[in-house]
Amino acid sequence: MDGILLINKPAGYTSHDIVGIVRKKLHTKKVGHCGTLDPDATGVLVVCVNKATKAIQFLMSDTKYTGNFIAREKYRYI
């Protein structure tokens, strides 16, 4: 699976914990996240998987990009 996941991170987990969970669930090693949330913080964590990890540099840049995208699957829970 390649793609960008938006994960609602609960309190008590680090961003690295969430990446580890995604790696185990998807059976892949190439997983990265955009930004870091404090373990006590809750919020949306952007996680990129496999080929989508190449997009992290653009998602984290100060330059603004606009565009359209098509989602293949609506809501798939892991």
PDB file of N, CA and C in Angstrom:
ATOM      1  N   MET A   1       0.841  -1.176   0.000  1.00  0.00           N
ATOM      2  CA  MET A   1       0.000   0.000   0.000  1.00  0.00           C
ATOM      3  C   MET A   1       0.884   1.237   0.000  1.00  0.00           C
ATOM      4  N   ASP A   2       0.565   2.175  -0.852  1.00  0.00           N
ATOM      5  CA  ASP A   2       1.210   3.479  -0.899  1.00  0.00           C
ATOM      6  C   ASP A   2       0.135   4.512  -0.609  1.00  0.00           C
ATOM      7  N   GLY A   3       0.467   5.501   0.181  1.00  0.00           N
ATOM      8  CA  GLY A   3      -0.521   6.543   0.403  1.00  0.00           C
ATOM      9  C   GLY A   3      -0.232   7.392   1.614  1.00  0.00           C
ATOM     10  N   ILE A   4      -1.132   8.352   1.822  1.00  0.00           N
ATOM     11  CA  ILE A   4      -1.039   9.268   2.945  1.00  0.00           C
ATOM     12  C   ILE A   4      -2.229   9.006   3.853  1.00  0.00           C
ATOM     13  N   LEU A   5      -1.935   8.779   5.121  1.00  0.00           N
ATOM     14  CA  LEU A   5      -2.971   8.510   6.111  1.00  0.00           C
ATOM     15  C   LEU A   5      -3.096   9.700   7.045  1.00  0.00           C
ATOM     16  N   LEU A   6      -4.301  10.054   7.383  1.00  0.00           N
ATOM     17  CA  LEU A   6      -4.552  11.072   8.398  1.00  0.00           C
ATOM     18  C   LEU A   6      -5.047  10.335   9.633  1.00  0.00           C
ATOM     19  N   ILE A   7      -4.242  10.343  10.672  1.00  0.00           N
ATOM     20  CA  ILE A   7      -4.537   9.555  11.862  1.00  0.00           C
ATOM     21  C   ILE A   7      -4.835  10.483  13.026  1.00  0.00           C
ATOM     22  N   ASN A   8      -5.942  10.250  13.703  1.00  0.00           N
ATOM     23  CA  ASN A   8      -6.310  11.004  14.894  1.00  0.00           C
ATOM     24  C   ASN A   8      -5.536  10.409  16.069  1.00  0.00           C
ATOM     25  N   LYS A   9      -4.421  11.043  16.425  1.00  0.00           N
ATOM     26  CA  LYS A   9      -3.530  10.517  17.461  1.00  0.00           C
ATOM     27  C   LYS A   9      -4.118  10.766  18.843  1.00  0.00           C
ATOM     28  N   PRO A  10      -4.302   9.703  19.616  1.00  0.00           N
ATOM     29  CA  PRO A  10      -4.801   9.878  20.985  1.00  0.00           C
ATOM     30  C   PRO A  10      -3.666  10.275  21.931  1.00  0.00           C
ATOM     31  N   ALA A  11      -4.017  10.826  23.071  1.00  0.00           N
ATOM     32  CA  ALA A  11      -3.031  11.172  24.087  1.00  0.00           C
ATOM     33  C   ALA A  11      -2.373   9.895  24.598  1.00  0.00           C
ATOM     34  N   GLY A  12      -1.117  10.012  24.993  1.00  0.00           N
ATOM     35  CA  GLY A  12      -0.410   8.859  25.530  1.00  0.00           C
ATOM     36  C   GLY A  12       0.467   8.140  24.537  1.00  0.00           C
ATOM     37  N   TYR A  13       0.341   8.457  23.270  1.00  0.00           N
ATOM     38  CA  TYR A  13       1.164   7.851  22.217  1.00  0.00           C
ATOM     39  C   TYR A  13       2.070   8.924  21.635  1.00  0.00           C
ATOM     40  N   THR A  14       3.317   8.573  21.343  1.00  0.00           N
ATOM     41  CA  THR A  14       4.192   9.492  20.622  1.00  0.00           C
ATOM     42  C   THR A  14       3.943   9.316  19.127  1.00  0.00           C
ATOM     43  N   SER A  15       4.446  10.253  18.347  1.00  0.00           N
ATOM     44  CA  SER A  15       4.337  10.130  16.887  1.00  0.00           C
ATOM     45  C   SER A  15       5.064   8.874  16.420  1.00  0.00           C
ATOM     46  N   HIS A  16       6.190   8.578  17.049  1.00  0.00           N
ATOM     47  CA  HIS A  16       6.949   7.376  16.698  1.00  0.00           C
ATOM     48  C   HIS A  16       6.165   6.106  17.032  1.00  0.00           C
ATOM     49  N   ASP A  17       5.413   6.115  18.125  1.00  0.00           N
ATOM     50  CA  ASP A  17       4.558   4.967  18.464  1.00  0.00           C
ATOM     51  C   ASP A  17       3.541   4.708  17.354  1.00  0.00           C
ATOM     52  N   ILE A  18       2.946   5.777  16.854  1.00  0.00           N
ATOM     53  CA  ILE A  18       1.937   5.651  15.790  1.00  0.00           C
ATOM     54  C   ILE A  18       2.581   5.094  14.527  1.00  0.00           C
ATOM     55  N   VAL A  19       3.777   5.582  14.176  1.00  0.00           N
ATOM     56  CA  VAL A  19       4.489   5.060  13.008  1.00  0.00           C
ATOM     57  C   VAL A  19       4.756   3.570  13.191  1.00  0.00           C
ATOM     58  N   GLY A  20       5.159   3.155  14.374  1.00  0.00           N
ATOM     59  CA  GLY A  20       5.405   1.736  14.645  1.00  0.00           C
ATOM     60  C   GLY A  20       4.157   0.892  14.480  1.00  0.00           C
ATOM     61  N   ILE A  21       3.031   1.408  14.936  1.00  0.00           N
ATOM     62  CA  ILE A  21       1.760   0.687  14.793  1.00  0.00           C
ATOM     63  C   ILE A  21       1.400   0.529  13.322  1.00  0.00           C
ATOM     64  N   VAL A  22       1.562   1.618  12.547  1.00  0.00           N
ATOM     65  CA  VAL A  22       1.257   1.562  11.108  1.00  0.00           C
ATOM     66  C   VAL A  22       2.183   0.567  10.413  1.00  0.00           C
ATOM     67  N   ARG A  23       3.465   0.573  10.763  1.00  0.00           N
ATOM     68  CA  ARG A  23       4.406  -0.390  10.164  1.00  0.00           C
ATOM     69  C   ARG A  23       3.961  -1.822  10.408  1.00  0.00           C
ATOM     70  N   LYS A  24       3.558  -2.125  11.628  1.00  0.00           N
ATOM     71  CA  LYS A  24       3.131  -3.489  11.963  1.00  0.00           C
ATOM     72  C   LYS A  24       1.843  -3.866  11.245  1.00  0.00           C
ATOM     73  N   LYS A  25       0.875  -2.951  11.236  1.00  0.00           N
ATOM     74  CA  LYS A  25      -0.427  -3.253  10.613  1.00  0.00           C
ATOM     75  C   LYS A  25      -0.311  -3.442   9.103  1.00  0.00           C
ATOM     76  N   LEU A  26       0.555  -2.641   8.467  1.00  0.00           N
ATOM     77  CA  LEU A  26       0.676  -2.702   7.004  1.00  0.00           C
ATOM     78  C   LEU A  26       1.832  -3.585   6.537  1.00  0.00           C
ATOM     79  N   HIS A  27       2.582  -4.150   7.472  1.00  0.00           N
ATOM     80  CA  HIS A  27       3.707  -5.038   7.152  1.00  0.00           C
ATOM     81  C   HIS A  27       4.693  -4.372   6.192  1.00  0.00           C
ATOM     82  N   THR A  28       5.104  -3.155   6.545  1.00  0.00           N
ATOM     83  CA  THR A  28       6.068  -2.423   5.738  1.00  0.00           C
ATOM     84  C   THR A  28       6.999  -1.626   6.646  1.00  0.00           C
ATOM     85  N   LYS A  29       8.178  -1.329   6.147  1.00  0.00           N
ATOM     86  CA  LYS A  29       9.149  -0.576   6.933  1.00  0.00           C
ATOM     87  C   LYS A  29       9.190   0.900   6.558  1.00  0.00           C
ATOM     88  N   LYS A  30       8.762   1.228   5.343  1.00  0.00           N
ATOM     89  CA  LYS A  30       8.896   2.597   4.852  1.00  0.00           C
ATOM     90  C   LYS A  30       7.665   3.422   5.226  1.00  0.00           C
ATOM     91  N   VAL A  31       7.724   4.001   6.419  1.00  0.00           N
ATOM     92  CA  VAL A  31       6.630   4.822   6.941  1.00  0.00           C
ATOM     93  C   VAL A  31       7.250   6.050   7.595  1.00  0.00           C
ATOM     94  N   GLY A  32       6.694   7.221   7.327  1.00  0.00           N
ATOM     95  CA  GLY A  32       7.184   8.445   7.930  1.00  0.00           C
ATOM     96  C   GLY A  32       6.030   9.361   8.283  1.00  0.00           C
ATOM     97  N   HIS A  33       6.305  10.365   9.109  1.00  0.00           N
ATOM     98  CA  HIS A  33       5.246  11.294   9.499  1.00  0.00           C
ATOM     99  C   HIS A  33       5.688  12.726   9.283  1.00  0.00           C
ATOM    100  N   CYS A  34       4.713  13.608   9.135  1.00  0.00           N
ATOM    101  CA  CYS A  34       4.963  15.032   8.942  1.00  0.00           C
ATOM    102  C   CYS A  34       4.721  15.734  10.267  1.00  0.00           C
ATOM    103  N   GLY A  35       5.762  16.269  10.845  1.00  0.00           N
ATOM    104  CA  GLY A  35       5.619  16.954  12.123  1.00  0.00           C
ATOM    105  C   GLY A  35       5.576  15.971  13.271  1.00  0.00           C
ATOM    106  N   THR A  36       5.633  16.512  14.468  1.00  0.00           N
ATOM    107  CA  THR A  36       5.630  15.677  15.663  1.00  0.00           C
ATOM    108  C   THR A  36       4.623  16.237  16.644  1.00  0.00           C
ATOM    109  N   LEU A  37       3.842  15.351  17.242  1.00  0.00           N
ATOM    110  CA  LEU A  37       2.903  15.754  18.282  1.00  0.00           C
ATOM    111  C   LEU A  37       3.418  15.259  19.621  1.00  0.00           C
ATOM    112  N   ASP A  38       3.348  16.097  20.618  1.00  0.00           N
ATOM    113  CA  ASP A  38       3.725  15.748  21.981  1.00  0.00           C
ATOM    114  C   ASP A  38       2.896  14.550  22.451  1.00  0.00           C
ATOM    115  N   PRO A  39       3.450  13.661  23.273  1.00  0.00           N
ATOM    116  CA  PRO A  39       2.684  12.495  23.723  1.00  0.00           C
ATOM    117  C   PRO A  39       1.369  12.856  24.421  1.00  0.00           C
ATOM    118  N   ASP A  40       1.319  14.010  25.078  1.00  0.00           N
ATOM    119  CA  ASP A  40       0.087  14.417  25.760  1.00  0.00           C
ATOM    120  C   ASP A  40      -0.916  15.081  24.826  1.00  0.00           C
ATOM    121  N   ALA A  41      -0.467  15.445  23.628  1.00  0.00           N
ATOM    122  CA  ALA A  41      -1.334  16.134  22.671  1.00  0.00           C
ATOM    123  C   ALA A  41      -2.175  15.146  21.872  1.00  0.00           C
ATOM    124  N   THR A  42      -3.338  15.599  21.475  1.00  0.00           N
ATOM    125  CA  THR A  42      -4.178  14.833  20.551  1.00  0.00           C
ATOM    126  C   THR A  42      -4.293  15.659  19.275  1.00  0.00           C
ATOM    127  N   GLY A  43      -4.555  15.003  18.177  1.00  0.00           N
ATOM    128  CA  GLY A  43      -4.707  15.727  16.920  1.00  0.00           C
ATOM    129  C   GLY A  43      -4.396  14.852  15.736  1.00  0.00           C
ATOM    130  N   VAL A  44      -4.437  15.465  14.566  1.00  0.00           N
ATOM    131  CA  VAL A  44      -4.232  14.732  13.320  1.00  0.00           C
ATOM    132  C   VAL A  44      -2.735  14.631  13.030  1.00  0.00           C
ATOM    133  N   LEU A  45      -2.289  13.417  12.796  1.00  0.00           N
ATOM    134  CA  LEU A  45      -0.900  13.147  12.422  1.00  0.00           C
ATOM    135  C   LEU A  45      -0.905  12.651  10.983  1.00  0.00           C
ATOM    136  N   VAL A  46      -0.144  13.318  10.129  1.00  0.00           N
ATOM    137  CA  VAL A  46      -0.050  12.934   8.718  1.00  0.00           C
ATOM    138  C   VAL A  46       1.039  11.873   8.595  1.00  0.00           C
ATOM    139  N   VAL A  47       0.653  10.681   8.141  1.00  0.00           N
ATOM    140  CA  VAL A  47       1.583   9.555   8.017  1.00  0.00           C
ATOM    141  C   VAL A  47       1.637   9.134   6.557  1.00  0.00           C
ATOM    142  N   CYS A  48       2.857   9.038   6.028  1.00  0.00           N
ATOM    143  CA  CYS A  48       3.058   8.646   4.632  1.00  0.00           C
ATOM    144  C   CYS A  48       3.634   7.237   4.575  1.00  0.00           C
ATOM    145  N   VAL A  49       3.139   6.435   3.619  1.00  0.00           N
ATOM    146  CA  VAL A  49       3.527   5.030   3.514  1.00  0.00           C
ATOM    147  C   VAL A  49       4.145   4.751   2.142  1.00  0.00           C
ATOM    148  N   ASN A  50       5.280   4.041   2.165  1.00  0.00           N
ATOM    149  CA  ASN A  50       6.012   3.604   0.970  1.00  0.00           C
ATOM    150  C   ASN A  50       6.302   4.755   0.008  1.00  0.00           C
ATOM    151  N   LYS A  51       5.811   4.708  -1.214  1.00  0.00           N
ATOM    152  CA  LYS A  51       6.141   5.726  -2.217  1.00  0.00           C
ATOM    153  C   LYS A  51       5.698   7.128  -1.808  1.00  0.00           C
ATOM    154  N   ALA A  52       4.688   7.214  -0.969  1.00  0.00           N
ATOM    155  CA  ALA A  52       4.191   8.526  -0.532  1.00  0.00           C
ATOM    156  C   ALA A  52       5.167   9.231   0.397  1.00  0.00           C
ATOM    157  N   THR A  53       6.163   8.522   0.935  1.00  0.00           N
ATOM    158  CA  THR A  53       7.143   9.177   1.797  1.00  0.00           C
ATOM    159  C   THR A  53       7.931  10.236   1.033  1.00  0.00           C
ATOM    160  N   LYS A  54       7.960  10.120  -0.280  1.00  0.00           N
ATOM    161  CA  LYS A  54       8.644  11.129  -1.093  1.00  0.00           C
ATOM    162  C   LYS A  54       7.920  12.473  -1.040  1.00  0.00           C
ATOM    163  N   ALA A  55       6.655  12.469  -0.664  1.00  0.00           N
ATOM    164  CA  ALA A  55       5.863  13.703  -0.593  1.00  0.00           C
ATOM    165  C   ALA A  55       6.111  14.478   0.696  1.00  0.00           C
ATOM    166  N   ILE A  56       6.749  13.874   1.679  1.00  0.00           N
ATOM    167  CA  ILE A  56       6.947  14.534   2.965  1.00  0.00           C
ATOM    168  C   ILE A  56       7.688  15.858   2.796  1.00  0.00           C
ATOM    169  N   GLN A  57       8.690  15.886   1.954  1.00  0.00           N
ATOM    170  CA  GLN A  57       9.457  17.118   1.766  1.00  0.00           C
ATOM    171  C   GLN A  57       8.586  18.261   1.261  1.00  0.00           C
ATOM    172  N   PHE A  58       7.569  17.953   0.477  1.00  0.00           N
ATOM    173  CA  PHE A  58       6.674  18.985  -0.039  1.00  0.00           C
ATOM    174  C   PHE A  58       5.604  19.349   0.985  1.00  0.00           C
ATOM    175  N   LEU A  59       5.146  18.365   1.739  1.00  0.00           N
ATOM    176  CA  LEU A  59       4.136  18.619   2.768  1.00  0.00           C
ATOM    177  C   LEU A  59       4.699  19.460   3.907  1.00  0.00           C
ATOM    178  N   MET A  60       5.993  19.339   4.160  1.00  0.00           N
ATOM    179  CA  MET A  60       6.628  20.050   5.265  1.00  0.00           C
ATOM    180  C   MET A  60       7.236  21.397   4.841  1.00  0.00           C
ATOM    181  N   SER A  61       7.239  21.706   3.547  1.00  0.00           N
ATOM    182  CA  SER A  61       7.875  22.940   3.078  1.00  0.00           C
ATOM    183  C   SER A  61       6.993  24.153   3.396  1.00  0.00           C
ATOM    184  N   ASP A  62       7.600  25.330   3.336  1.00  0.00           N
ATOM    185  CA  ASP A  62       6.874  26.575   3.571  1.00  0.00           C
ATOM    186  C   ASP A  62       6.121  27.039   2.332  1.00  0.00           C
ATOM    187  N   THR A  63       6.441  26.469   1.188  1.00  0.00           N
ATOM    188  CA  THR A  63       5.794  26.837  -0.060  1.00  0.00           C
ATOM    189  C   THR A  63       4.383  26.257  -0.089  1.00  0.00           C
ATOM    190  N   LYS A  64       3.450  27.046  -0.546  1.00  0.00           N
ATOM    191  CA  LYS A  64       2.050  26.608  -0.618  1.00  0.00           C
ATOM    192  C   LYS A  64       1.780  25.963  -1.974  1.00  0.00           C
ATOM    193  N   TYR A  65       1.166  24.801  -1.962  1.00  0.00           N
ATOM    194  CA  TYR A  65       0.766  24.108  -3.179  1.00  0.00           C
ATOM    195  C   TYR A  65      -0.725  23.867  -3.122  1.00  0.00           C
ATOM    196  N   THR A  66      -1.358  23.932  -4.262  1.00  0.00           N
ATOM    197  CA  THR A  66      -2.767  23.584  -4.332  1.00  0.00           C
ATOM    198  C   THR A  66      -2.944  22.543  -5.422  1.00  0.00           C
ATOM    199  N   GLY A  67      -3.981  21.754  -5.294  1.00  0.00           N
ATOM    200  CA  GLY A  67      -4.233  20.730  -6.299  1.00  0.00           C
ATOM    201  C   GLY A  67      -5.453  19.913  -5.939  1.00  0.00           C
ATOM    202  N   ASN A  68      -5.760  18.983  -6.783  1.00  0.00           N
ATOM    203  CA  ASN A  68      -6.895  18.093  -6.571  1.00  0.00           C
ATOM    204  C   ASN A  68      -6.386  16.685  -6.376  1.00  0.00           C
ATOM    205  N   PHE A  69      -7.150  15.892  -5.662  1.00  0.00           N
ATOM    206  CA  PHE A  69      -6.796  14.494  -5.502  1.00  0.00           C
ATOM    207  C   PHE A  69      -8.047  13.648  -5.520  1.00  0.00           C
ATOM    208  N   ILE A  70      -7.862  12.401  -5.830  1.00  0.00           N
ATOM    209  CA  ILE A  70      -8.963  11.452  -5.861  1.00  0.00           C
ATOM    210  C   ILE A  70      -8.646  10.362  -4.838  1.00  0.00           C
ATOM    211  N   ALA A  71      -9.550  10.140  -3.926  1.00  0.00           N
ATOM    212  CA  ALA A  71      -9.359   9.095  -2.917  1.00  0.00           C
ATOM    213  C   ALA A  71      -9.899   7.787  -3.469  1.00  0.00           C
ATOM    214  N   ARG A  72      -9.094   6.736  -3.387  1.00  0.00           N
ATOM    215  CA  ARG A  72      -9.529   5.431  -3.883  1.00  0.00           C
ATOM    216  C   ARG A  72     -10.521   4.779  -2.935  1.00  0.00           C
ATOM    217  N   GLU A  73     -10.250   4.908  -1.659  1.00  0.00           N
ATOM    218  CA  GLU A  73     -11.129   4.303  -0.665  1.00  0.00           C
ATOM    219  C   GLU A  73     -11.592   5.393   0.269  1.00  0.00           C
ATOM    220  N   LYS A  74     -12.842   5.360   0.649  1.00  0.00           N
ATOM    221  CA  LYS A  74     -13.348   6.419   1.507  1.00  0.00           C
ATOM    222  C   LYS A  74     -12.773   6.286   2.912  1.00  0.00           C
ATOM    223  N   TYR A  75     -13.343   5.525   3.744  1.00  0.00           N
ATOM    224  CA  TYR A  75     -12.892   5.412   5.122  1.00  0.00           C
ATOM    225  C   TYR A  75     -12.536   3.975   5.427  1.00  0.00           C
ATOM    226  N   ARG A  76     -11.268   3.745   5.570  1.00  0.00           N
ATOM    227  CA  ARG A  76     -10.793   2.398   5.876  1.00  0.00           C
ATOM    228  C   ARG A  76     -10.055   2.458   7.205  1.00  0.00           C
ATOM    229  N   TYR A  77     -10.572   1.752   8.185  1.00  0.00           N
ATOM    230  CA  TYR A  77      -9.957   1.761   9.500  1.00  0.00           C
ATOM    231  C   TYR A  77      -9.012   0.593   9.648  1.00  0.00           C
ATOM    232  N   ILE A  78      -7.868   0.869  10.261  1.00  0.00           N
ATOM    233  CA  ILE A  78      -6.874  -0.179  10.480  1.00  0.00           C
ATOM    234  C   ILE A  78      -7.045  -0.712  11.882  1.00  0.00           C
TER     235      ILE A  78
END
